[in-house]
Protein backbone atom coordinates (compact mmCIF):
# COMPACT_ATOMS: atom_id res chain seq x y z
CA MET A 1 48.04 -234.92 66.79
CA ILE A 2 48.61 -235.97 70.61
CA GLY A 3 49.82 -233.73 72.94
CA ILE A 4 50.68 -232.38 77.24
CA ASP A 5 48.55 -230.36 79.45
CA ARG A 6 51.08 -227.98 80.81
CA ASP A 7 48.97 -227.33 83.90
CA THR A 8 48.56 -231.16 84.76
CA GLY A 9 50.59 -233.21 82.72
CA ALA A 10 47.27 -234.96 81.35
CA THR A 11 47.65 -236.12 77.34
CA VAL A 12 45.25 -233.93 75.70
CA ASP A 13 44.00 -234.50 71.97
CA ASP A 14 41.79 -232.60 69.39
CA TRP A 15 40.69 -228.96 70.35
CA PRO A 16 42.13 -228.98 73.85
CA GLN A 17 45.32 -229.93 72.05
CA PHE A 18 45.03 -226.95 69.55
CA VAL A 19 44.49 -224.99 72.61
CA GLU A 20 47.22 -225.82 74.34
CA ARG A 21 49.87 -225.23 70.94
CA ALA A 22 48.25 -221.86 70.34
CA LYS A 23 48.86 -220.93 74.34
CA ARG A 24 51.91 -221.61 74.07
CA ALA A 25 52.53 -219.99 71.05
CA LEU A 26 50.86 -216.62 71.64
CA THR A 27 52.85 -216.58 75.62
CA THR A 28 56.24 -217.37 74.61
CA PRO A 29 58.29 -214.63 73.64
CA LEU A 30 59.54 -214.17 69.96
CA GLY A 31 62.98 -215.47 69.12
CA THR A 32 63.96 -216.98 72.39
CA ARG A 33 64.21 -220.06 71.06
CA GLN A 34 67.54 -221.00 69.82
CA LYS A 35 66.54 -223.84 66.71
CA ARG A 36 63.15 -221.91 66.09
CA PRO A 37 63.72 -217.97 66.33
CA LEU A 38 60.54 -217.29 64.44
CA TYR A 39 58.43 -219.33 66.56
CA GLY A 40 56.49 -217.12 69.21
CA SER A 41 54.46 -213.65 69.50
CA LYS A 42 55.22 -209.89 70.27
CA LEU A 43 52.58 -210.04 73.56
CA PHE A 44 55.55 -210.84 76.12
CA SER A 45 56.90 -206.99 75.37
CA LEU A 46 53.50 -205.85 76.65
CA LEU A 47 53.58 -206.81 79.84
CA THR A 48 55.92 -204.37 81.36
CA LYS A 49 53.64 -201.38 79.74
CA ASN A 50 50.99 -199.41 81.60
CA GLN A 51 47.36 -201.26 80.14
CA GLY A 52 45.67 -198.41 77.97
CA ASP A 53 43.36 -198.33 75.42
CA GLN A 54 46.30 -198.62 73.38
CA LEU A 55 47.59 -201.27 74.56
CA LEU A 56 44.49 -203.78 74.23
CA ILE A 57 44.81 -202.43 70.58
CA LEU A 58 48.52 -203.76 70.24
CA ALA A 59 47.53 -206.74 71.69
CA GLN A 60 44.92 -207.65 69.93
CA SER A 61 47.01 -206.94 66.48
CA TYR A 62 50.04 -209.11 68.38
CA ALA A 63 48.14 -212.29 68.87
CA ALA A 64 46.76 -211.98 65.20
CA GLU A 65 50.16 -211.91 64.24
CA ALA A 66 51.42 -214.81 65.62
CA PHE A 67 48.58 -216.81 63.82
CA CYS A 68 49.80 -215.49 60.52
CA ASN A 69 53.33 -216.64 61.77
CA GLU A 70 53.89 -220.14 60.07
CA ALA A 71 56.55 -221.06 62.50
CA ASN A 72 53.91 -221.27 65.09
CA GLY A 73 52.61 -224.24 63.44
CA ILE A 74 48.52 -222.57 64.60
CA GLY A 75 47.77 -221.81 61.21
CA ASP A 76 44.70 -224.28 61.52
CA PHE A 77 42.56 -221.83 63.79
CA THR A 78 41.33 -218.41 61.32
CA PRO A 79 40.55 -216.07 63.71
CA GLU A 80 37.48 -214.37 63.76
CA THR A 81 37.50 -211.80 66.96
CA ILE A 82 39.86 -211.31 68.92
CA VAL A 83 39.49 -209.42 72.01
CA ALA A 84 42.03 -208.18 74.62
CA THR A 85 40.72 -207.14 78.13
CA ARG A 86 42.35 -205.83 81.31
CA GLY A 87 42.20 -207.85 84.61
CA SER A 88 43.68 -207.93 87.92
CA THR A 89 45.65 -210.18 87.00
CA GLY A 90 47.07 -208.96 83.53
CA LEU A 91 46.08 -208.86 80.08
CA SER A 92 43.66 -211.31 78.80
CA LEU A 93 42.74 -212.32 75.60
CA ARG A 94 39.21 -214.14 74.09
CA LEU A 95 39.78 -215.93 70.49
CA THR A 96 36.84 -216.56 68.41
CA GLY A 97 37.62 -218.04 64.32
CA ILE A 98 36.78 -221.37 62.59
CA TRP A 99 39.10 -224.48 63.40
CA LYS A 100 38.00 -227.46 61.07
CA ASN A 101 35.22 -225.76 60.37
CA ARG A 102 34.02 -225.34 63.27
CA GLN A 103 33.08 -222.17 65.00
CA MET A 104 35.61 -222.21 68.25
CA THR A 105 36.49 -219.82 71.61
CA PHE A 106 39.26 -219.93 73.83
CA GLU A 107 41.12 -217.90 76.15
CA VAL A 108 44.66 -216.91 77.08
CA ALA A 109 46.02 -215.71 79.98
CA THR A 110 49.59 -213.64 79.59
């Protein structure tokens, strides 16, 4: 499958294309797409809250839930580790798992 990098507009495929799909699914608020109301994740609802330890646990849970949601189309990645961290610009997720029988890692900033 071929996609477009949302930052540069360049054509991407294989792993970079999957990362773009996953980032889009994780950062899209659940229920905001009119024709695909099940697309997205609950992560967006955490952006206005204080970033305590409970919020980090919720973020990890919501990210895992997004990979189980078939409407997101990112089920070809099986997350093994999801780590949420606080940063100066907000919440960041580091995901490690199996994609096409390979161990892969990527990060998503929300």
